Each structure stands twice: as structure tokens, then as C-alpha cells.
Amino acid sequence: MLYIGQGLPSLETFCSLMCLPNPVCQKAYDQINAKIADVSEALANASMKKAAAKKKIIHGTVNSVVVSGDGTWKTCGHTSLIGVCTLIGSRLGSS
């Protein structure tokens, strides 16, 4: 629930409405979210490294790759710690 902007109280409400047992305690919830964040970051880094390596094989060097990109943040301005971006290779059209 944290990754959609909610927290444990919202998860508890959801479980109650769905007649499910109570979820984990706050400490366990925080540990689970920390693990999810670590794994998500590792997967994102691995995916980006794989994409860069693929472009390097095609073009000879990563520095010669032309891309188009866009991004967004959870709040106005660039002060939010939550955001997403995408890059698309101009020649192959691959993201």
C-alpha cells in the first residue's frame, strides 16, 4: 500500500472491508516495505545496466546513443523523492 501513496492504516481498512484478518504490525510492515524498496532498486539498476550494455553493443559506445526522455514527480516541482522517467532510443525506438 505504501507504493500507491498509502500506509498501514489504509491496508488495515482494506482488510477490514474485505473481511480479511488483520495485516502485520507496523514494524513488520516497515521491514517488508524496506525489502521491497531494496529489491525494486536492484531490479531497476540491473534493467538500466542491461539496456546500456545492449546499446553499447549496437553503437560501440554508450556515449553515442541518442534518446528522448520524459519524467514526472509526485508533487509539483522537482523536490519530491517519488518520481518516474522513461527514455526511448531514437534509432530503434526501444525503451
PDB file of N, CA and C in Angstrom:
ATOM      1  N   MET A   1       0.825  -1.197   0.000  1.00  0.00           N
ATOM      2  CA  MET A   1       0.000   0.000   0.000  1.00  0.00           C
ATOM      3  C   MET A   1       0.865   1.255   0.000  1.00  0.00           C
ATOM      4  N   LEU A   2       2.065   1.175   0.532  1.00  0.00           N
ATOM      5  CA  LEU A   2       2.944   2.338   0.563  1.00  0.00           C
ATOM      6  C   LEU A   2       3.236   2.828  -0.838  1.00  0.00           C
ATOM      7  N   TYR A   3       3.364   1.917  -1.779  1.00  0.00           N
ATOM      8  CA  TYR A   3       3.762   2.297  -3.126  1.00  0.00           C
ATOM      9  C   TYR A   3       2.627   2.899  -3.938  1.00  0.00           C
ATOM     10  N   ILE A   4       1.429   2.981  -3.384  1.00  0.00           N
ATOM     11  CA  ILE A   4       0.358   3.727  -4.028  1.00  0.00           C
ATOM     12  C   ILE A   4      -0.010   4.939  -3.179  1.00  0.00           C
ATOM     13  N   GLY A   5       0.912   5.350  -2.319  1.00  0.00           N
ATOM     14  CA  GLY A   5       0.718   6.550  -1.524  1.00  0.00           C
ATOM     15  C   GLY A   5      -0.070   6.341  -0.249  1.00  0.00           C
ATOM     16  N   GLN A   6      -0.237   5.125   0.177  1.00  0.00           N
ATOM     17  CA  GLN A   6      -0.988   4.820   1.383  1.00  0.00           C
ATOM     18  C   GLN A   6      -0.036   4.213   2.406  1.00  0.00           C
ATOM     19  N   GLY A   7      -0.552   3.735   3.503  1.00  0.00           N
ATOM     20  CA  GLY A   7       0.284   3.124   4.524  1.00  0.00           C
ATOM     21  C   GLY A   7      -0.462   2.001   5.217  1.00  0.00           C
ATOM     22  N   LEU A   8       0.052   1.605   6.356  1.00  0.00           N
ATOM     23  CA  LEU A   8      -0.547   0.504   7.106  1.00  0.00           C
ATOM     24  C   LEU A   8      -2.002   0.779   7.493  1.00  0.00           C
ATOM     25  N   PRO A   9      -2.364   1.990   7.932  1.00  0.00           N
ATOM     26  CA  PRO A   9      -3.781   2.217   8.268  1.00  0.00           C
ATOM     27  C   PRO A   9      -4.728   1.935   7.091  1.00  0.00           C
ATOM     28  N   SER A  10      -4.325   2.298   5.895  1.00  0.00           N
ATOM     29  CA  SER A  10      -5.162   2.021   4.720  1.00  0.00           C
ATOM     30  C   SER A  10      -5.239   0.528   4.442  1.00  0.00           C
ATOM     31  N   LEU A  11      -4.137  -0.180   4.658  1.00  0.00           N
ATOM     32  CA  LEU A  11      -4.141  -1.632   4.487  1.00  0.00           C
ATOM     33  C   LEU A  11      -5.065  -2.289   5.510  1.00  0.00           C
ATOM     34  N   GLU A  12      -5.043  -1.781   6.741  1.00  0.00           N
ATOM     35  CA  GLU A  12      -5.932  -2.314   7.779  1.00  0.00           C
ATOM     36  C   GLU A  12      -7.396  -2.080   7.415  1.00  0.00           C
ATOM     37  N   THR A  13      -7.703  -0.892   6.894  1.00  0.00           N
ATOM     38  CA  THR A  13      -9.070  -0.585   6.471  1.00  0.00           C
ATOM     39  C   THR A  13      -9.501  -1.508   5.342  1.00  0.00           C
ATOM     40  N   PHE A  14      -8.622  -1.687   4.362  1.00  0.00           N
ATOM     41  CA  PHE A  14      -8.920  -2.569   3.235  1.00  0.00           C
ATOM     42  C   PHE A  14      -9.203  -3.988   3.721  1.00  0.00           C
ATOM     43  N   CYS A  15      -8.350  -4.504   4.595  1.00  0.00           N
ATOM     44  CA  CYS A  15      -8.539  -5.868   5.114  1.00  0.00           C
ATOM     45  C   CYS A  15      -9.856  -5.985   5.877  1.00  0.00           C
ATOM     46  N   SER A  16     -10.195  -4.957   6.642  1.00  0.00           N
ATOM     47  CA  SER A  16     -11.444  -4.965   7.394  1.00  0.00           C
ATOM     48  C   SER A  16     -12.646  -4.992   6.455  1.00  0.00           C
ATOM     49  N   LEU A  17     -12.609  -4.165   5.412  1.00  0.00           N
ATOM     50  CA  LEU A  17     -13.719  -4.114   4.455  1.00  0.00           C
ATOM     51  C   LEU A  17     -13.870  -5.415   3.675  1.00  0.00           C
ATOM     52  N   MET A  18     -12.771  -6.111   3.455  1.00  0.00           N
ATOM     53  CA  MET A  18     -12.792  -7.358   2.695  1.00  0.00           C
ATOM     54  C   MET A  18     -12.965  -8.582   3.597  1.00  0.00           C
ATOM     55  N   CYS A  19     -13.204  -8.354   4.901  1.00  0.00           N
ATOM     56  CA  CYS A  19     -13.364  -9.428   5.890  1.00  0.00           C
ATOM     57  C   CYS A  19     -12.134 -10.338   5.926  1.00  0.00           C
ATOM     58  N   LEU A  20     -10.964  -9.725   5.833  1.00  0.00           N
ATOM     59  CA  LEU A  20      -9.697 -10.449   5.924  1.00  0.00           C
ATOM     60  C   LEU A  20      -9.118 -10.261   7.315  1.00  0.00           C
ATOM     61  N   PRO A  21      -8.234 -11.144   7.748  1.00  0.00           N
ATOM     62  CA  PRO A  21      -7.601 -10.957   9.057  1.00  0.00           C
ATOM     63  C   PRO A  21      -6.726  -9.706   9.057  1.00  0.00           C
ATOM     64  N   ASN A  22      -6.452  -9.217  10.255  1.00  0.00           N
ATOM     65  CA  ASN A  22      -5.608  -8.034  10.377  1.00  0.00           C
ATOM     66  C   ASN A  22      -4.245  -8.281   9.742  1.00  0.00           C
ATOM     67  N   PRO A  23      -3.699  -7.266   9.074  1.00  0.00           N
ATOM     68  CA  PRO A  23      -2.365  -7.418   8.484  1.00  0.00           C
ATOM     69  C   PRO A  23      -1.287  -7.378   9.563  1.00  0.00           C
ATOM     70  N   VAL A  24      -0.071  -7.301   9.140  1.00  0.00           N
ATOM     71  CA  VAL A  24       1.088  -7.317  10.037  1.00  0.00           C
ATOM     72  C   VAL A  24       1.149  -6.066  10.900  1.00  0.00           C
ATOM     73  N   CYS A  25       2.013  -6.094  11.927  1.00  0.00           N
ATOM     74  CA  CYS A  25       2.215  -4.922  12.777  1.00  0.00           C
ATOM     75  C   CYS A  25       3.086  -3.898  12.032  1.00  0.00           C
ATOM     76  N   GLN A  26       3.190  -2.696  12.576  1.00  0.00           N
ATOM     77  CA  GLN A  26       3.917  -1.608  11.913  1.00  0.00           C
ATOM     78  C   GLN A  26       5.383  -1.963  11.666  1.00  0.00           C
ATOM     79  N   LYS A  27       6.033  -2.608  12.640  1.00  0.00           N
ATOM     80  CA  LYS A  27       7.450  -2.950  12.485  1.00  0.00           C
ATOM     81  C   LYS A  27       7.652  -3.917  11.314  1.00  0.00           C
ATOM     82  N   ALA A  28       6.831  -4.951  11.249  1.00  0.00           N
ATOM     83  CA  ALA A  28       6.937  -5.917  10.152  1.00  0.00           C
ATOM     84  C   ALA A  28       6.596  -5.259   8.820  1.00  0.00           C
ATOM     85  N   TYR A  29       5.590  -4.388   8.821  1.00  0.00           N
ATOM     86  CA  TYR A  29       5.196  -3.655   7.613  1.00  0.00           C
ATOM     87  C   TYR A  29       6.372  -2.818   7.092  1.00  0.00           C
ATOM     88  N   ASP A  30       7.049  -2.122   8.000  1.00  0.00           N
ATOM     89  CA  ASP A  30       8.207  -1.304   7.612  1.00  0.00           C
ATOM     90  C   ASP A  30       9.338  -2.167   7.064  1.00  0.00           C
ATOM     91  N   GLN A  31       9.568  -3.327   7.680  1.00  0.00           N
ATOM     92  CA  GLN A  31      10.618  -4.230   7.194  1.00  0.00           C
ATOM     93  C   GLN A  31      10.288  -4.764   5.804  1.00  0.00           C
ATOM     94  N   ILE A  32       9.033  -5.110   5.591  1.00  0.00           N
ATOM     95  CA  ILE A  32       8.606  -5.603   4.280  1.00  0.00           C
ATOM     96  C   ILE A  32       8.778  -4.514   3.229  1.00  0.00           C
ATOM     97  N   ASN A  33       8.358  -3.290   3.554  1.00  0.00           N
ATOM     98  CA  ASN A  33       8.497  -2.186   2.604  1.00  0.00           C
ATOM     99  C   ASN A  33       9.955  -1.871   2.312  1.00  0.00           C
ATOM    100  N   ALA A  34      10.816  -1.974   3.312  1.00  0.00           N
ATOM    101  CA  ALA A  34      12.248  -1.733   3.093  1.00  0.00           C
ATOM    102  C   ALA A  34      12.822  -2.783   2.144  1.00  0.00           C
ATOM    103  N   LYS A  35      12.413  -4.032   2.327  1.00  0.00           N
ATOM    104  CA  LYS A  35      12.878  -5.108   1.444  1.00  0.00           C
ATOM    105  C   LYS A  35      12.372  -4.897   0.018  1.00  0.00           C
ATOM    106  N   ILE A  36      11.103  -4.519  -0.122  1.00  0.00           N
ATOM    107  CA  ILE A  36      10.545  -4.243  -1.449  1.00  0.00           C
ATOM    108  C   ILE A  36      11.304  -3.097  -2.114  1.00  0.00           C
ATOM    109  N   ALA A  37      11.619  -2.058  -1.361  1.00  0.00           N
ATOM    110  CA  ALA A  37      12.363  -0.920  -1.913  1.00  0.00           C
ATOM    111  C   ALA A  37      13.753  -1.352  -2.372  1.00  0.00           C
ATOM    112  N   ASP A  38      14.435  -2.164  -1.570  1.00  0.00           N
ATOM    113  CA  ASP A  38      15.774  -2.644  -1.936  1.00  0.00           C
ATOM    114  C   ASP A  38      15.737  -3.482  -3.213  1.00  0.00           C
ATOM    115  N   VAL A  39      14.785  -4.404  -3.280  1.00  0.00           N
ATOM    116  CA  VAL A  39      14.673  -5.280  -4.448  1.00  0.00           C
ATOM    117  C   VAL A  39      14.268  -4.473  -5.684  1.00  0.00           C
ATOM    118  N   SER A  40      13.345  -3.530  -5.526  1.00  0.00           N
ATOM    119  CA  SER A  40      12.926  -2.690  -6.650  1.00  0.00           C
ATOM    120  C   SER A  40      14.090  -1.886  -7.200  1.00  0.00           C
ATOM    121  N   GLU A  41      14.905  -1.326  -6.303  1.00  0.00           N
ATOM    122  CA  GLU A  41      16.070  -0.553  -6.739  1.00  0.00           C
ATOM    123  C   GLU A  41      17.081  -1.444  -7.458  1.00  0.00           C
ATOM    124  N   ALA A  42      17.318  -2.628  -6.920  1.00  0.00           N
ATOM    125  CA  ALA A  42      18.264  -3.552  -7.556  1.00  0.00           C
ATOM    126  C   ALA A  42      17.780  -3.964  -8.946  1.00  0.00           C
ATOM    127  N   LEU A  43      16.489  -4.246  -9.079  1.00  0.00           N
ATOM    128  CA  LEU A  43      15.933  -4.622 -10.381  1.00  0.00           C
ATOM    129  C   LEU A  43      16.007  -3.464 -11.374  1.00  0.00           C
ATOM    130  N   ALA A  44      15.715  -2.260 -10.912  1.00  0.00           N
ATOM    131  CA  ALA A  44      15.789  -1.092 -11.796  1.00  0.00           C
ATOM    132  C   ALA A  44      17.217  -0.872 -12.276  1.00  0.00           C
ATOM    133  N   ASN A  45      18.179  -0.967 -11.358  1.00  0.00           N
ATOM    134  CA  ASN A  45      19.586  -0.787 -11.737  1.00  0.00           C
ATOM    135  C   ASN A  45      20.042  -1.864 -12.715  1.00  0.00           C
ATOM    136  N   ALA A  46      19.650  -3.107 -12.467  1.00  0.00           N
ATOM    137  CA  ALA A  46      20.025  -4.197 -13.373  1.00  0.00           C
ATOM    138  C   ALA A  46      19.416  -3.989 -14.757  1.00  0.00           C
ATOM    139  N   SER A  47      18.168  -3.552 -14.796  1.00  0.00           N
ATOM    140  CA  SER A  47      17.493  -3.301 -16.072  1.00  0.00           C
ATOM    141  C   SER A  47      18.176  -2.177 -16.847  1.00  0.00           C
ATOM    142  N   MET A  48      18.550  -1.105 -16.143  1.00  0.00           N
ATOM    143  CA  MET A  48      19.222   0.017 -16.809  1.00  0.00           C
ATOM    144  C   MET A  48      20.606  -0.381 -17.306  1.00  0.00           C
ATOM    145  N   LYS A  49      21.332  -1.171 -16.515  1.00  0.00           N
ATOM    146  CA  LYS A  49      22.656  -1.633 -16.948  1.00  0.00           C
ATOM    147  C   LYS A  49      22.543  -2.540 -18.170  1.00  0.00           C
ATOM    148  N   LYS A  50      21.522  -3.398 -18.177  1.00  0.00           N
ATOM    149  CA  LYS A  50      21.310  -4.294 -19.314  1.00  0.00           C
ATOM    150  C   LYS A  50      20.986  -3.488 -20.577  1.00  0.00           C
ATOM    151  N   ALA A  51      20.141  -2.471 -20.443  1.00  0.00           N
ATOM    152  CA  ALA A  51      19.790  -1.632 -21.594  1.00  0.00           C
ATOM    153  C   ALA A  51      21.009  -0.874 -22.102  1.00  0.00           C
ATOM    154  N   ALA A  52      21.830  -0.348 -21.191  1.00  0.00           N
ATOM    155  CA  ALA A  52      23.042   0.372 -21.598  1.00  0.00           C
ATOM    156  C   ALA A  52      24.019  -0.565 -22.292  1.00  0.00           C
ATOM    157  N   ALA A  53      24.160  -1.782 -21.777  1.00  0.00           N
ATOM    158  CA  ALA A  53      25.066  -2.756 -22.399  1.00  0.00           C
ATOM    159  C   ALA A  53      24.578  -3.125 -23.797  1.00  0.00           C
ATOM    160  N   LYS A  54      23.274  -3.262 -23.959  1.00  0.00           N
ATOM    161  CA  LYS A  54      22.697  -3.590 -25.263  1.00  0.00           C
ATOM    162  C   LYS A  54      22.978  -2.466 -26.257  1.00  0.00           C
ATOM    163  N   LYS A  55      22.797  -1.223 -25.839  1.00  0.00           N
ATOM    164  CA  LYS A  55      23.058  -0.081 -26.720  1.00  0.00           C
ATOM    165  C   LYS A  55      24.544   0.024 -27.040  1.00  0.00           C
ATOM    166  N   LYS A  56      25.384  -0.312 -26.058  1.00  0.00           N
ATOM    167  CA  LYS A  56      26.833  -0.245 -26.269  1.00  0.00           C
ATOM    168  C   LYS A  56      27.259  -1.255 -27.327  1.00  0.00           C
ATOM    169  N   ILE A  57      26.667  -2.433 -27.310  1.00  0.00           N
ATOM    170  CA  ILE A  57      26.991  -3.458 -28.307  1.00  0.00           C
ATOM    171  C   ILE A  57      26.586  -2.973 -29.702  1.00  0.00           C
ATOM    172  N   ILE A  58      25.414  -2.350 -29.814  1.00  0.00           N
ATOM    173  CA  ILE A  58      24.909  -1.899 -31.113  1.00  0.00           C
ATOM    174  C   ILE A  58      25.700  -0.701 -31.638  1.00  0.00           C
ATOM    175  N   HIS A  59      25.979   0.266 -30.771  1.00  0.00           N
ATOM    176  CA  HIS A  59      26.570   1.530 -31.206  1.00  0.00           C
ATOM    177  C   HIS A  59      28.069   1.645 -30.944  1.00  0.00           C
ATOM    178  N   GLY A  60      28.646   0.745 -30.211  1.00  0.00           N
ATOM    179  CA  GLY A  60      30.076   0.799 -29.926  1.00  0.00           C
ATOM    180  C   GLY A  60      30.421   1.529 -28.647  1.00  0.00           C
ATOM    181  N   THR A  61      29.623   2.488 -28.263  1.00  0.00           N
ATOM    182  CA  THR A  61      29.836   3.204 -27.008  1.00  0.00           C
ATOM    183  C   THR A  61      28.507   3.770 -26.516  1.00  0.00           C
ATOM    184  N   VAL A  62      28.317   3.779 -25.230  1.00  0.00           N
ATOM    185  CA  VAL A  62      27.076   4.299 -24.664  1.00  0.00           C
ATOM    186  C   VAL A  62      26.965   5.801 -24.908  1.00  0.00           C
ATOM    187  N   ASN A  63      28.086   6.509 -24.971  1.00  0.00           N
ATOM    188  CA  ASN A  63      28.064   7.961 -25.143  1.00  0.00           C
ATOM    189  C   ASN A  63      27.505   8.402 -26.490  1.00  0.00           C
ATOM    190  N   SER A  64      27.414   7.509 -27.460  1.00  0.00           N
ATOM    191  CA  SER A  64      26.924   7.893 -28.779  1.00  0.00           C
ATOM    192  C   SER A  64      25.433   7.629 -28.972  1.00  0.00           C
ATOM    193  N   VAL A  65      24.741   7.194 -27.953  1.00  0.00           N
ATOM    194  CA  VAL A  65      23.328   6.853 -28.075  1.00  0.00           C
ATOM    195  C   VAL A  65      22.476   8.109 -27.895  1.00  0.00           C
ATOM    196  N   VAL A  66      21.545   8.336 -28.822  1.00  0.00           N
ATOM    197  CA  VAL A  66      20.621   9.468 -28.739  1.00  0.00           C
ATOM    198  C   VAL A  66      19.286   8.946 -28.218  1.00  0.00           C
ATOM    199  N   VAL A  67      18.759   9.615 -27.193  1.00  0.00           N
ATOM    200  CA  VAL A  67      17.496   9.185 -26.601  1.00  0.00           C
ATOM    201  C   VAL A  67      16.566  10.380 -26.431  1.00  0.00           C
ATOM    202  N   SER A  68      15.301  10.071 -26.271  1.00  0.00           N
ATOM    203  CA  SER A  68      14.292  11.056 -25.903  1.00  0.00           C
ATOM    204  C   SER A  68      13.735  10.615 -24.559  1.00  0.00           C
ATOM    205  N   GLY A  69      13.524  11.565 -23.660  1.00  0.00           N
ATOM    206  CA  GLY A  69      13.066  11.175 -22.333  1.00  0.00           C
ATOM    207  C   GLY A  69      12.005  12.095 -21.774  1.00  0.00           C
ATOM    208  N   ASP A  70      11.301  11.609 -20.772  1.00  0.00           N
ATOM    209  CA  ASP A  70      10.294  12.391 -20.072  1.00  0.00           C
ATOM    210  C   ASP A  70      10.200  11.853 -18.652  1.00  0.00           C
ATOM    211  N   GLY A  71       9.769  12.701 -17.742  1.00  0.00           N
ATOM    212  CA  GLY A  71       9.634  12.273 -16.355  1.00  0.00           C
ATOM    213  C   GLY A  71       8.542  13.043 -15.646  1.00  0.00           C
ATOM    214  N   THR A  72       8.151  12.543 -14.495  1.00  0.00           N
ATOM    215  CA  THR A  72       7.143  13.208 -13.688  1.00  0.00           C
ATOM    216  C   THR A  72       7.433  12.947 -12.215  1.00  0.00           C
ATOM    217  N   TRP A  73       6.960  13.845 -11.363  1.00  0.00           N
ATOM    218  CA  TRP A  73       7.145  13.713  -9.925  1.00  0.00           C
ATOM    219  C   TRP A  73       5.792  13.689  -9.242  1.00  0.00           C
ATOM    220  N   LYS A  74       5.756  13.156  -8.025  1.00  0.00           N
ATOM    221  CA  LYS A  74       4.505  13.035  -7.278  1.00  0.00           C
ATOM    222  C   LYS A  74       3.917  14.408  -6.956  1.00  0.00           C
ATOM    223  N   THR A  75       4.781  15.392  -6.673  1.00  0.00           N
ATOM    224  CA  THR A  75       4.320  16.739  -6.353  1.00  0.00           C
ATOM    225  C   THR A  75       4.891  17.725  -7.357  1.00  0.00           C
ATOM    226  N   CYS A  76       4.340  18.919  -7.392  1.00  0.00           N
ATOM    227  CA  CYS A  76       4.838  19.957  -8.300  1.00  0.00           C
ATOM    228  C   CYS A  76       6.283  20.297  -7.964  1.00  0.00           C
ATOM    229  N   GLY A  77       7.044  20.638  -8.974  1.00  0.00           N
ATOM    230  CA  GLY A  77       8.456  20.938  -8.767  1.00  0.00           C
ATOM    231  C   GLY A  77       9.256  19.656  -8.735  1.00  0.00           C
ATOM    232  N   HIS A  78      10.513  19.801  -8.523  1.00  0.00           N
ATOM    233  CA  HIS A  78      11.398  18.639  -8.522  1.00  0.00           C
ATOM    234  C   HIS A  78      11.893  18.317  -7.113  1.00  0.00           C
ATOM    235  N   THR A  79      11.089  18.619  -6.109  1.00  0.00           N
ATOM    236  CA  THR A  79      11.503  18.384  -4.728  1.00  0.00           C
ATOM    237  C   THR A  79      11.010  17.044  -4.187  1.00  0.00           C
ATOM    238  N   SER A  80      10.088  16.401  -4.882  1.00  0.00           N
ATOM    239  CA  SER A  80       9.554  15.119  -4.426  1.00  0.00           C
ATOM    240  C   SER A  80      10.612  14.030  -4.550  1.00  0.00           C
ATOM    241  N   LEU A  81      10.614  13.093  -3.622  1.00  0.00           N
ATOM    242  CA  LEU A  81      11.516  11.949  -3.688  1.00  0.00           C
ATOM    243  C   LEU A  81      10.897  10.797  -4.480  1.00  0.00           C
ATOM    244  N   ILE A  82       9.665  10.989  -4.949  1.00  0.00           N
ATOM    245  CA  ILE A  82       8.974   9.955  -5.710  1.00  0.00           C
ATOM    246  C   ILE A  82       8.759  10.459  -7.128  1.00  0.00           C
ATOM    247  N   GLY A  83       9.283   9.729  -8.097  1.00  0.00           N
ATOM    248  CA  GLY A  83       9.127  10.133  -9.486  1.00  0.00           C
ATOM    249  C   GLY A  83       9.418   8.981 -10.420  1.00  0.00           C
ATOM    250  N   VAL A  84       9.072   9.169 -11.670  1.00  0.00           N
ATOM    251  CA  VAL A  84       9.342   8.170 -12.700  1.00  0.00           C
ATOM    252  C   VAL A  84       9.858   8.872 -13.946  1.00  0.00           C
ATOM    253  N   CYS A  85      10.596   8.132 -14.746  1.00  0.00           N
ATOM    254  CA  CYS A  85      11.048   8.675 -16.022  1.00  0.00           C
ATOM    255  C   CYS A  85      11.146   7.541 -17.028  1.00  0.00           C
ATOM    256  N   THR A  86      11.192   7.923 -18.291  1.00  0.00           N
ATOM    257  CA  THR A  86      11.364   6.944 -19.354  1.00  0.00           C
ATOM    258  C   THR A  86      12.294   7.520 -20.404  1.00  0.00           C
ATOM    259  N   LEU A  87      13.089   6.663 -20.988  1.00  0.00           N
ATOM    260  CA  LEU A  87      13.979   7.034 -22.081  1.00  0.00           C
ATOM    261  C   LEU A  87      13.710   6.093 -23.242  1.00  0.00           C
ATOM    262  N   ILE A  88      13.663   6.657 -24.431  1.00  0.00           N
ATOM    263  CA  ILE A  88      13.427   5.857 -25.628  1.00  0.00           C
ATOM    264  C   ILE A  88      14.555   6.130 -26.605  1.00  0.00           C
ATOM    265  N   GLY A  89      15.183   5.069 -27.100  1.00  0.00           N
ATOM    266  CA  GLY A  89      16.247   5.214 -28.087  1.00  0.00           C
ATOM    267  C   GLY A  89      15.690   5.772 -29.384  1.00  0.00           C
ATOM    268  N   SER A  90      16.359   6.783 -29.956  1.00  0.00           N
ATOM    269  CA  SER A  90      15.817   7.448 -31.143  1.00  0.00           C
ATOM    270  C   SER A  90      15.907   6.587 -32.398  1.00  0.00           C
ATOM    271  N   ARG A  91      16.924   5.773 -32.533  1.00  0.00           N
ATOM    272  CA  ARG A  91      17.087   4.978 -33.756  1.00  0.00           C
ATOM    273  C   ARG A  91      16.216   3.732 -33.773  1.00  0.00           C
ATOM    274  N   LEU A  92      16.219   3.011 -32.682  1.00  0.00           N
ATOM    275  CA  LEU A  92      15.498   1.741 -32.649  1.00  0.00           C
ATOM    276  C   LEU A  92      14.094   1.867 -32.085  1.00  0.00           C
ATOM    277  N   GLY A  93      13.815   2.995 -31.421  1.00  0.00           N
ATOM    278  CA  GLY A  93      12.504   3.167 -30.816  1.00  0.00           C
ATOM    279  C   GLY A  93      12.247   2.233 -29.659  1.00  0.00           C
ATOM    280  N   SER A  94      13.315   1.753 -29.041  1.00  0.00           N
ATOM    281  CA  SER A  94      13.141   0.826 -27.921  1.00  0.00           C
ATOM    282  C   SER A  94      13.307   1.563 -26.615  1.00  0.00           C
ATOM    283  N   SER A  95      12.554   1.142 -25.599  1.00  0.00           N
ATOM    284  CA  SER A  95      12.668   1.782 -24.296  1.00  0.00           C
ATOM    285  C   SER A  95      13.339   0.859 -23.313  1.00  0.00           C
TER     286      SER A  95
END
